[in-house]
């Protein structure tokens, strides 16, 4: 019985670590691909400006009405 409990906690711990790692990789990849200097075609400028908490840079938000995607361009 004790072996089953130990196996359960080991499997759960590994599962949580894998989920946390995948979540971090997916979020980081998604965010990094959405800002830069060249605004893609189809994106329109909005009045929204945000400050990136990791770099403290101002980013202008551009929006694509067809896809709902957002693009962040660094403001000078």
PDB file of N, CA and C in Angstrom:
ATOM      1  N   UNK A   1       0.820  -1.203   0.000  1.00  0.00           N
ATOM      2  CA  UNK A   1       0.000   0.000   0.000  1.00  0.00           C
ATOM      3  C   UNK A   1       0.865   1.269   0.000  1.00  0.00           C
ATOM      4  N   UNK A   2       1.940   1.242   0.775  1.00  0.00           N
ATOM      5  CA  UNK A   2       2.829   2.401   0.855  1.00  0.00           C
ATOM      6  C   UNK A   2       3.493   2.640  -0.508  1.00  0.00           C
ATOM      7  N   UNK A   3       3.823   1.557  -1.217  1.00  0.00           N
ATOM      8  CA  UNK A   3       4.443   1.692  -2.544  1.00  0.00           C
ATOM      9  C   UNK A   3       3.516   2.403  -3.519  1.00  0.00           C
ATOM     10  N   UNK A   4       2.248   2.129  -3.458  1.00  0.00           N
ATOM     11  CA  UNK A   4       1.275   2.748  -4.349  1.00  0.00           C
ATOM     12  C   UNK A   4       1.192   4.252  -4.061  1.00  0.00           C
ATOM     13  N   UNK A   5       1.211   4.623  -2.811  1.00  0.00           N
ATOM     14  CA  UNK A   5       1.150   6.036  -2.445  1.00  0.00           C
ATOM     15  C   UNK A   5       2.405   6.764  -2.923  1.00  0.00           C
ATOM     16  N   UNK A   6       3.568   6.155  -2.757  1.00  0.00           N
ATOM     17  CA  UNK A   6       4.818   6.759  -3.212  1.00  0.00           C
ATOM     18  C   UNK A   6       4.811   6.917  -4.724  1.00  0.00           C
ATOM     19  N   UNK A   7       4.389   5.894  -5.438  1.00  0.00           N
ATOM     20  CA  UNK A   7       4.314   5.954  -6.908  1.00  0.00           C
ATOM     21  C   UNK A   7       3.343   7.045  -7.334  1.00  0.00           C
ATOM     22  N   UNK A   8       2.225   7.156  -6.655  1.00  0.00           N
ATOM     23  CA  UNK A   8       1.234   8.185  -6.971  1.00  0.00           C
ATOM     24  C   UNK A   8       1.843   9.582  -6.861  1.00  0.00           C
ATOM     25  N   UNK A   9       2.526   9.868  -5.751  1.00  0.00           N
ATOM     26  CA  UNK A   9       3.111  11.191  -5.553  1.00  0.00           C
ATOM     27  C   UNK A   9       4.248  11.470  -6.540  1.00  0.00           C
ATOM     28  N   UNK A  10       5.017  10.471  -6.887  1.00  0.00           N
ATOM     29  CA  UNK A  10       6.089  10.653  -7.878  1.00  0.00           C
ATOM     30  C   UNK A  10       5.493  10.975  -9.242  1.00  0.00           C
ATOM     31  N   UNK A  11       4.479  10.234  -9.652  1.00  0.00           N
ATOM     32  CA  UNK A  11       3.833  10.468 -10.945  1.00  0.00           C
ATOM     33  C   UNK A  11       3.174  11.850 -10.974  1.00  0.00           C
ATOM     34  N   UNK A  12       2.515  12.236  -9.917  1.00  0.00           N
ATOM     35  CA  UNK A  12       1.878  13.551  -9.854  1.00  0.00           C
ATOM     36  C   UNK A  12       2.920  14.670  -9.898  1.00  0.00           C
ATOM     37  N   UNK A  13       4.021  14.509  -9.190  1.00  0.00           N
ATOM     38  CA  UNK A  13       5.079  15.523  -9.191  1.00  0.00           C
ATOM     39  C   UNK A  13       5.693  15.681 -10.578  1.00  0.00           C
ATOM     40  N   UNK A  14       5.960  14.584 -11.247  1.00  0.00           N
ATOM     41  CA  UNK A  14       6.513  14.638 -12.608  1.00  0.00           C
ATOM     42  C   UNK A  14       5.503  15.281 -13.544  1.00  0.00           C
ATOM     43  N   UNK A  15       4.245  14.953 -13.411  1.00  0.00           N
ATOM     44  CA  UNK A  15       3.199  15.549 -14.251  1.00  0.00           C
ATOM     45  C   UNK A  15       3.097  17.050 -14.062  1.00  0.00           C
ATOM     46  N   UNK A  16       3.173  17.504 -12.837  1.00  0.00           N
ATOM     47  CA  UNK A  16       3.106  18.942 -12.561  1.00  0.00           C
ATOM     48  C   UNK A  16       4.329  19.652 -13.136  1.00  0.00           C
ATOM     49  N   UNK A  17       5.502  19.059 -12.996  1.00  0.00           N
ATOM     50  CA  UNK A  17       6.716  19.656 -13.564  1.00  0.00           C
ATOM     51  C   UNK A  17       6.639  19.750 -15.082  1.00  0.00           C
ATOM     52  N   UNK A  18       6.149  18.713 -15.728  1.00  0.00           N
ATOM     53  CA  UNK A  18       6.004  18.726 -17.190  1.00  0.00           C
ATOM     54  C   UNK A  18       4.993  19.785 -17.608  1.00  0.00           C
ATOM     55  N   UNK A  19       3.872  19.879 -16.925  1.00  0.00           N
ATOM     56  CA  UNK A  19       2.860  20.890 -17.238  1.00  0.00           C
ATOM     57  C   UNK A  19       3.405  22.305 -17.051  1.00  0.00           C
ATOM     58  N   UNK A  20       4.139  22.532 -15.970  1.00  0.00           N
ATOM     59  CA  UNK A  20       4.716  23.856 -15.727  1.00  0.00           C
ATOM     60  C   UNK A  20       5.736  24.217 -16.805  1.00  0.00           C
ATOM     61  N   UNK A  21       6.568  23.279 -17.189  1.00  0.00           N
ATOM     62  CA  UNK A  21       7.574  23.528 -18.221  1.00  0.00           C
ATOM     63  C   UNK A  21       6.923  23.826 -19.566  1.00  0.00           C
ATOM     64  N   UNK A  22       5.938  23.050 -19.956  1.00  0.00           N
ATOM     65  CA  UNK A  22       5.240  23.287 -21.224  1.00  0.00           C
ATOM     66  C   UNK A  22       4.501  24.622 -21.210  1.00  0.00           C
ATOM     67  N   UNK A  23       3.878  24.964 -20.108  1.00  0.00           N
ATOM     68  CA  UNK A  23       3.168  26.239 -20.014  1.00  0.00           C
ATOM     69  C   UNK A  23       4.128  27.409 -20.164  1.00  0.00           C
ATOM     70  N   UNK A  24       5.274  27.336 -19.530  1.00  0.00           N
ATOM     71  CA  UNK A  24       6.257  28.410 -19.615  1.00  0.00           C
ATOM     72  C   UNK A  24       6.795  28.536 -21.036  1.00  0.00           C
ATOM     73  N   UNK A  25       7.091  27.432 -21.682  1.00  0.00           N
ATOM     74  CA  UNK A  25       7.627  27.477 -23.048  1.00  0.00           C
ATOM     75  C   UNK A  25       6.605  28.015 -24.040  1.00  0.00           C
ATOM     76  N   UNK A  26       5.360  27.610 -23.916  1.00  0.00           N
ATOM     77  CA  UNK A  26       4.318  28.068 -24.835  1.00  0.00           C
ATOM     78  C   UNK A  26       4.035  29.546 -24.628  1.00  0.00           C
ATOM     79  N   UNK A  27       3.925  30.016 -23.381  1.00  0.00           N
ATOM     80  CA  UNK A  27       3.646  31.429 -23.135  1.00  0.00           C
ATOM     81  C   UNK A  27       4.791  32.289 -23.636  1.00  0.00           C
ATOM     82  N   UNK A  28       6.010  31.901 -23.340  1.00  0.00           N
ATOM     83  CA  UNK A  28       7.172  32.688 -23.740  1.00  0.00           C
ATOM     84  C   UNK A  28       7.265  32.773 -25.256  1.00  0.00           C
ATOM     85  N   UNK A  29       7.040  31.695 -25.949  1.00  0.00           N
ATOM     86  CA  UNK A  29       7.096  31.678 -27.412  1.00  0.00           C
ATOM     87  C   UNK A  29       5.988  32.554 -27.993  1.00  0.00           C
ATOM     88  N   UNK A  30       4.803  32.469 -27.436  1.00  0.00           N
ATOM     89  CA  UNK A  30       3.677  33.246 -27.945  1.00  0.00           C
ATOM     90  C   UNK A  30       3.919  34.738 -27.755  1.00  0.00           C
ATOM     91  N   UNK A  31       4.446  35.140 -26.600  1.00  0.00           N
ATOM     92  CA  UNK A  31       4.650  36.554 -26.332  1.00  0.00           C
ATOM     93  C   UNK A  31       5.801  37.113 -27.163  1.00  0.00           C
ATOM     94  N   UNK A  32       6.893  36.378 -27.271  1.00  0.00           N
ATOM     95  CA  UNK A  32       8.069  36.863 -27.981  1.00  0.00           C
ATOM     96  C   UNK A  32       7.791  37.070 -29.464  1.00  0.00           C
ATOM     97  N   UNK A  33       6.909  36.307 -30.045  1.00  0.00           N
ATOM     98  CA  UNK A  33       6.612  36.423 -31.472  1.00  0.00           C
ATOM     99  C   UNK A  33       5.673  37.568 -31.801  1.00  0.00           C
ATOM    100  N   UNK A  34       5.138  38.272 -30.821  1.00  0.00           N
ATOM    101  CA  UNK A  34       4.114  39.264 -31.071  1.00  0.00           C
ATOM    102  C   UNK A  34       4.601  40.702 -30.952  1.00  0.00           C
ATOM    103  N   UNK A  35       5.913  40.924 -30.887  1.00  0.00           N
ATOM    104  CA  UNK A  35       6.347  42.306 -30.894  1.00  0.00           C
ATOM    105  C   UNK A  35       7.698  42.436 -31.590  1.00  0.00           C
ATOM    106  N   UNK A  36       7.903  43.593 -32.152  1.00  0.00           N
ATOM    107  CA  UNK A  36       9.120  43.867 -32.902  1.00  0.00           C
ATOM    108  C   UNK A  36       9.042  45.252 -33.501  1.00  0.00           C
ATOM    109  N   UNK A  37       9.720  45.480 -34.603  1.00  0.00           N
ATOM    110  CA  UNK A  37       9.766  46.799 -35.225  1.00  0.00           C
ATOM    111  C   UNK A  37       8.907  46.905 -36.484  1.00  0.00           C
ATOM    112  N   UNK A  38       8.734  45.827 -37.212  1.00  0.00           N
ATOM    113  CA  UNK A  38       7.964  45.860 -38.457  1.00  0.00           C
ATOM    114  C   UNK A  38       6.548  45.350 -38.215  1.00  0.00           C
ATOM    115  N   UNK A  39       5.570  46.211 -38.436  1.00  0.00           N
ATOM    116  CA  UNK A  39       4.169  45.842 -38.229  1.00  0.00           C
ATOM    117  C   UNK A  39       3.708  45.011 -39.418  1.00  0.00           C
ATOM    118  N   UNK A  40       3.186  43.804 -39.179  1.00  0.00           N
ATOM    119  CA  UNK A  40       2.717  42.962 -40.283  1.00  0.00           C
ATOM    120  C   UNK A  40       1.508  43.578 -40.998  1.00  0.00           C
ATOM    121  N   UNK A  41       1.272  43.140 -42.217  1.00  0.00           N
ATOM    122  CA  UNK A  41       0.112  43.599 -42.987  1.00  0.00           C
ATOM    123  C   UNK A  41      -1.177  43.194 -42.292  1.00  0.00           C
ATOM    124  N   UNK A  42      -2.164  44.068 -42.361  1.00  0.00           N
ATOM    125  CA  UNK A  42      -3.473  43.769 -41.790  1.00  0.00           C
ATOM    126  C   UNK A  42      -3.654  44.252 -40.363  1.00  0.00           C
ATOM    127  N   UNK A  43      -2.614  44.770 -39.735  1.00  0.00           N
ATOM    128  CA  UNK A  43      -2.711  45.248 -38.359  1.00  0.00           C
ATOM    129  C   UNK A  43      -2.914  46.751 -38.365  1.00  0.00           C
ATOM    130  N   UNK A  44      -3.836  47.215 -37.505  1.00  0.00           N
ATOM    131  CA  UNK A  44      -4.107  48.649 -37.409  1.00  0.00           C
ATOM    132  C   UNK A  44      -3.650  49.148 -36.035  1.00  0.00           C
ATOM    133  N   UNK A  45      -3.228  50.388 -35.996  1.00  0.00           N
ATOM    134  CA  UNK A  45      -2.741  51.006 -34.762  1.00  0.00           C
ATOM    135  C   UNK A  45      -3.906  51.290 -33.820  1.00  0.00           C
ATOM    136  N   UNK A  46      -3.706  51.034 -32.540  1.00  0.00           N
ATOM    137  CA  UNK A  46      -4.701  51.365 -31.524  1.00  0.00           C
ATOM    138  C   UNK A  46      -4.134  52.461 -30.626  1.00  0.00           C
ATOM    139  N   UNK A  47      -4.950  53.001 -29.739  1.00  0.00           N
ATOM    140  CA  UNK A  47      -4.501  54.013 -28.791  1.00  0.00           C
ATOM    141  C   UNK A  47      -3.869  53.399 -27.545  1.00  0.00           C
ATOM    142  N   UNK A  48      -3.859  52.080 -27.498  1.00  0.00           N
ATOM    143  CA  UNK A  48      -3.368  51.389 -26.302  1.00  0.00           C
ATOM    144  C   UNK A  48      -1.837  51.309 -26.300  1.00  0.00           C
ATOM    145  N   UNK A  49      -1.245  51.674 -25.182  1.00  0.00           N
ATOM    146  CA  UNK A  49       0.193  51.532 -24.957  1.00  0.00           C
ATOM    147  C   UNK A  49       0.374  50.768 -23.657  1.00  0.00           C
ATOM    148  N   UNK A  50       1.253  49.781 -23.671  1.00  0.00           N
ATOM    149  CA  UNK A  50       1.528  49.023 -22.453  1.00  0.00           C
ATOM    150  C   UNK A  50       3.012  49.089 -22.143  1.00  0.00           C
ATOM    151  N   UNK A  51       3.359  48.844 -20.909  1.00  0.00           N
ATOM    152  CA  UNK A  51       4.757  48.793 -20.496  1.00  0.00           C
ATOM    153  C   UNK A  51       5.100  47.340 -20.221  1.00  0.00           C
ATOM    154  N   UNK A  52       6.129  46.841 -20.924  1.00  0.00           N
ATOM    155  CA  UNK A  52       6.582  45.469 -20.733  1.00  0.00           C
ATOM    156  C   UNK A  52       7.225  45.370 -19.349  1.00  0.00           C
ATOM    157  N   UNK A  53       6.688  44.521 -18.466  1.00  0.00           N
ATOM    158  CA  UNK A  53       7.212  44.461 -17.098  1.00  0.00           C
ATOM    159  C   UNK A  53       8.625  43.896 -17.010  1.00  0.00           C
ATOM    160  N   UNK A  54       9.069  43.170 -18.017  1.00  0.00           N
ATOM    161  CA  UNK A  54      10.406  42.583 -17.954  1.00  0.00           C
ATOM    162  C   UNK A  54      11.481  43.532 -18.459  1.00  0.00           C
ATOM    163  N   UNK A  55      11.149  44.424 -19.404  1.00  0.00           N
ATOM    164  CA  UNK A  55      12.148  45.330 -19.976  1.00  0.00           C
ATOM    165  C   UNK A  55      11.859  46.797 -19.686  1.00  0.00           C
ATOM    166  N   UNK A  56      10.682  47.096 -19.160  1.00  0.00           N
ATOM    167  CA  UNK A  56      10.229  48.469 -18.901  1.00  0.00           C
ATOM    168  C   UNK A  56      10.188  49.332 -20.160  1.00  0.00           C
ATOM    169  N   UNK A  57       9.950  48.712 -21.310  1.00  0.00           N
ATOM    170  CA  UNK A  57       9.824  49.445 -22.569  1.00  0.00           C
ATOM    171  C   UNK A  57       8.350  49.675 -22.875  1.00  0.00           C
ATOM    172  N   UNK A  58       8.048  50.837 -23.485  1.00  0.00           N
ATOM    173  CA  UNK A  58       6.681  51.119 -23.908  1.00  0.00           C
ATOM    174  C   UNK A  58       6.417  50.410 -25.229  1.00  0.00           C
ATOM    175  N   UNK A  59       5.290  49.726 -25.299  1.00  0.00           N
ATOM    176  CA  UNK A  59       4.909  48.999 -26.509  1.00  0.00           C
ATOM    177  C   UNK A  59       3.552  49.498 -26.999  1.00  0.00           C
ATOM    178  N   UNK A  60       3.468  49.875 -28.264  1.00  0.00           N
ATOM    179  CA  UNK A  60       2.214  50.271 -28.902  1.00  0.00           C
ATOM    180  C   UNK A  60       1.504  48.995 -29.358  1.00  0.00           C
ATOM    181  N   UNK A  61       0.208  48.943 -29.157  1.00  0.00           N
ATOM    182  CA  UNK A  61      -0.569  47.764 -29.526  1.00  0.00           C
ATOM    183  C   UNK A  61      -1.186  47.977 -30.902  1.00  0.00           C
ATOM    184  N   UNK A  62      -1.019  46.993 -31.776  1.00  0.00           N
ATOM    185  CA  UNK A  62      -1.661  46.948 -33.089  1.00  0.00           C
ATOM    186  C   UNK A  62      -2.594  45.748 -33.097  1.00  0.00           C
ATOM    187  N   UNK A  63      -3.701  45.876 -33.810  1.00  0.00           N
ATOM    188  CA  UNK A  63      -4.756  44.862 -33.767  1.00  0.00           C
ATOM    189  C   UNK A  63      -5.144  44.448 -35.177  1.00  0.00           C
ATOM    190  N   UNK A  64      -5.349  43.149 -35.372  1.00  0.00           N
ATOM    191  CA  UNK A  64      -5.825  42.625 -36.641  1.00  0.00           C
ATOM    192  C   UNK A  64      -7.290  42.245 -36.474  1.00  0.00           C
ATOM    193  N   UNK A  65      -8.180  42.967 -37.131  1.00  0.00           N
ATOM    194  CA  UNK A  65      -9.625  42.719 -36.983  1.00  0.00           C
ATOM    195  C   UNK A  65     -10.047  41.359 -37.526  1.00  0.00           C
ATOM    196  N   UNK A  66      -9.346  40.861 -38.532  1.00  0.00           N
ATOM    197  CA  UNK A  66      -9.739  39.591 -39.148  1.00  0.00           C
ATOM    198  C   UNK A  66      -9.428  38.393 -38.259  1.00  0.00           C
ATOM    199  N   UNK A  67      -8.294  38.414 -37.577  1.00  0.00           N
ATOM    200  CA  UNK A  67      -7.880  37.256 -36.785  1.00  0.00           C
ATOM    201  C   UNK A  67      -8.009  37.466 -35.283  1.00  0.00           C
ATOM    202  N   UNK A  68      -8.102  38.739 -34.851  1.00  0.00           N
ATOM    203  CA  UNK A  68      -8.158  39.024 -33.419  1.00  0.00           C
ATOM    204  C   UNK A  68      -6.791  39.050 -32.758  1.00  0.00           C
ATOM    205  N   UNK A  69      -5.738  38.887 -33.547  1.00  0.00           N
ATOM    206  CA  UNK A  69      -4.390  38.895 -32.989  1.00  0.00           C
ATOM    207  C   UNK A  69      -3.944  40.306 -32.648  1.00  0.00           C
ATOM    208  N   UNK A  70      -3.022  40.388 -31.693  1.00  0.00           N
ATOM    209  CA  UNK A  70      -2.431  41.651 -31.276  1.00  0.00           C
ATOM    210  C   UNK A  70      -0.957  41.611 -31.586  1.00  0.00           C
ATOM    211  N   UNK A  71      -0.391  42.771 -31.912  1.00  0.00           N
ATOM    212  CA  UNK A  71       1.033  42.904 -32.206  1.00  0.00           C
ATOM    213  C   UNK A  71       1.562  44.071 -31.387  1.00  0.00           C
ATOM    214  N   UNK A  72       2.727  43.909 -30.790  1.00  0.00           N
ATOM    215  CA  UNK A  72       3.297  44.942 -29.928  1.00  0.00           C
ATOM    216  C   UNK A  72       4.557  45.502 -30.574  1.00  0.00           C
ATOM    217  N   UNK A  73       4.572  46.814 -30.800  1.00  0.00           N
ATOM    218  CA  UNK A  73       5.725  47.479 -31.391  1.00  0.00           C
ATOM    219  C   UNK A  73       6.313  48.448 -30.369  1.00  0.00           C
ATOM    220  N   UNK A  74       7.620  48.421 -30.227  1.00  0.00           N
ATOM    221  CA  UNK A  74       8.277  49.301 -29.268  1.00  0.00           C
ATOM    222  C   UNK A  74       8.143  50.754 -29.679  1.00  0.00           C
ATOM    223  N   UNK A  75       7.698  51.590 -28.732  1.00  0.00           N
ATOM    224  CA  UNK A  75       7.578  53.026 -28.953  1.00  0.00           C
ATOM    225  C   UNK A  75       8.896  53.694 -28.637  1.00  0.00           C
ATOM    226  N   UNK A  76       9.273  54.660 -29.426  1.00  0.00           N
ATOM    227  CA  UNK A  76      10.529  55.404 -29.187  1.00  0.00           C
ATOM    228  C   UNK A  76      10.280  56.602 -28.328  1.00  0.00           C
TER     229      UNK A  76
END
